[in-house]
Amino acid sequence: MDLAYAAADVIVSRAGAIAISELCCVGKPIILIPSPNVSENHQYKNAQSLVNKNAALLVKDRDASRKLVLMLLELLSDSSKQEKLSNNIKKLAVKDAADRIAEIALGLIK
């Protein structure tokens, strides 16, 4: 996936927590299509959280066949919007998560 992410100008993805975590580190502009088939609509909530920070765009699954291509073409033609989304999603990246978890775990042992 790292090669695919590196080659992409824009990434279209579901909005699971692991995917979003990776995409924040990648730092590319993204369009999220949350799966409606998950408990408590958590993918929509994940995606909306990024949209609220101007770090991603969102297309509802039921609208994807009508809106995704148009939104993608619009984003590809707007380098300013791409840069803004990219800069904002990079701010959300947590690149030292393993160290943080290890530190907490070691603290529990003491």
Protein backbone atom coordinates (compact mmCIF):
# COMPACT_ATOMS: atom_id res chain seq x y z
CA MET A 1 0.00 0.00 0.00
CA ASP A 2 2.86 2.39 0.64
CA LEU A 3 3.69 2.45 -3.08
CA ALA A 4 0.06 2.99 -4.03
CA TYR A 5 -0.27 5.82 -1.52
CA ALA A 6 2.96 7.41 -2.75
CA ALA A 7 1.80 7.30 -6.38
CA ALA A 8 -1.66 8.74 -5.66
CA ASP A 9 -2.58 12.40 -6.01
CA VAL A 10 -5.87 11.82 -4.17
CA ILE A 11 -6.98 8.80 -2.14
CA VAL A 12 -10.52 7.42 -1.93
CA SER A 13 -11.13 5.19 1.09
CA ARG A 14 -13.57 3.83 3.62
CA ALA A 15 -13.39 5.52 7.00
CA GLY A 16 -12.37 2.87 9.49
CA ALA A 17 -10.08 3.92 12.32
CA ILE A 18 -7.03 2.05 11.01
CA ALA A 19 -7.46 3.44 7.49
CA ILE A 20 -7.82 6.97 8.79
CA SER A 21 -4.80 6.55 11.04
CA GLU A 22 -2.69 5.48 8.05
CA LEU A 23 -4.09 8.20 5.82
CA CYS A 24 -3.22 10.91 8.34
CA CYS A 25 0.41 9.75 8.20
CA VAL A 26 0.36 9.59 4.40
CA GLY A 27 -0.82 13.18 4.23
CA LYS A 28 -2.54 13.07 0.84
CA PRO A 29 -5.92 14.66 0.12
CA ILE A 30 -8.67 12.11 0.73
CA ILE A 31 -12.29 11.46 -0.06
CA LEU A 32 -13.91 9.19 2.48
CA ILE A 33 -16.88 6.94 1.77
CA PRO A 34 -18.00 5.60 5.16
CA SER A 35 -19.48 2.13 5.17
CA PRO A 36 -23.11 2.23 6.31
CA ASN A 37 -22.84 -1.40 7.44
CA VAL A 38 -20.94 -0.86 10.68
CA SER A 39 -22.02 -0.64 14.28
CA GLU A 40 -23.16 2.73 15.58
CA ASN A 41 -22.32 4.40 12.26
CA HIS A 42 -18.74 4.83 13.51
CA GLN A 43 -17.20 5.23 10.03
CA TYR A 44 -19.44 8.20 9.30
CA LYS A 45 -18.48 9.74 12.65
CA ASN A 46 -14.79 9.15 11.90
CA ALA A 47 -15.11 10.77 8.47
CA GLN A 48 -17.15 13.69 9.75
CA SER A 49 -14.49 14.39 12.35
CA LEU A 50 -11.93 14.91 9.58
CA VAL A 51 -14.36 16.93 7.46
CA ASN A 52 -14.96 19.23 10.44
CA LYS A 53 -11.20 19.90 10.54
CA ASN A 54 -11.09 20.53 6.77
CA ALA A 55 -8.83 17.48 6.48
CA ALA A 56 -11.00 15.32 4.18
CA LEU A 57 -14.03 15.26 1.93
CA LEU A 58 -16.96 12.91 2.49
CA VAL A 59 -19.36 11.16 0.16
CA LYS A 60 -22.11 9.04 1.68
CA ASP A 61 -22.14 5.46 0.40
CA ARG A 62 -25.66 5.84 -0.99
CA ASP A 63 -24.54 8.91 -2.99
CA ALA A 64 -21.21 7.55 -4.24
CA SER A 65 -22.46 6.37 -7.64
CA ARG A 66 -23.79 9.87 -8.39
CA LYS A 67 -21.30 12.14 -6.64
CA LEU A 68 -17.90 10.48 -6.26
CA VAL A 69 -16.53 10.94 -9.78
CA LEU A 70 -17.64 14.57 -9.91
CA MET A 71 -16.10 15.30 -6.49
CA LEU A 72 -12.89 13.52 -7.47
CA LEU A 73 -12.54 15.44 -10.75
CA GLU A 74 -13.26 18.70 -8.95
CA LEU A 75 -10.61 17.98 -6.33
CA LEU A 76 -8.04 16.90 -8.93
CA SER A 77 -8.49 20.22 -10.72
CA ASP A 78 -8.10 22.31 -7.55
CA SER A 79 -4.48 22.20 -6.35
CA SER A 80 -5.20 24.77 -3.64
CA LYS A 81 -7.90 22.56 -2.12
CA GLN A 82 -5.60 19.54 -2.36
CA GLU A 83 -2.85 21.39 -0.53
CA LYS A 84 -5.23 22.60 2.18
CA LEU A 85 -6.63 19.10 2.79
CA SER A 86 -3.14 17.61 2.76
CA ASN A 87 -1.75 20.14 5.24
CA ASN A 88 -4.70 19.71 7.59
CA ILE A 89 -4.68 15.90 7.62
CA LYS A 90 -0.92 15.85 8.29
CA LYS A 91 -1.57 17.81 11.50
CA LEU A 92 -3.69 14.91 12.76
CA ALA A 93 -1.03 12.23 12.27
CA VAL A 94 0.23 10.39 15.34
CA LYS A 95 3.56 8.90 14.29
CA ASP A 96 4.77 7.83 17.72
CA ALA A 97 1.76 5.77 18.80
CA ALA A 98 3.83 2.64 19.52
CA ASP A 99 6.15 4.62 21.79
CA ARG A 100 3.21 6.19 23.61
CA ILE A 101 1.55 2.83 24.16
CA ALA A 102 4.81 1.27 25.36
CA GLU A 103 5.37 4.14 27.77
CA ILE A 104 1.89 3.73 29.27
CA ALA A 105 2.31 -0.05 29.52
CA LEU A 106 5.68 0.29 31.24
CA GLY A 107 4.17 2.86 33.60
CA LEU A 108 1.55 0.31 34.64
CA ILE A 109 4.24 -2.20 35.56
CA LYS A 110 6.03 0.20 37.92
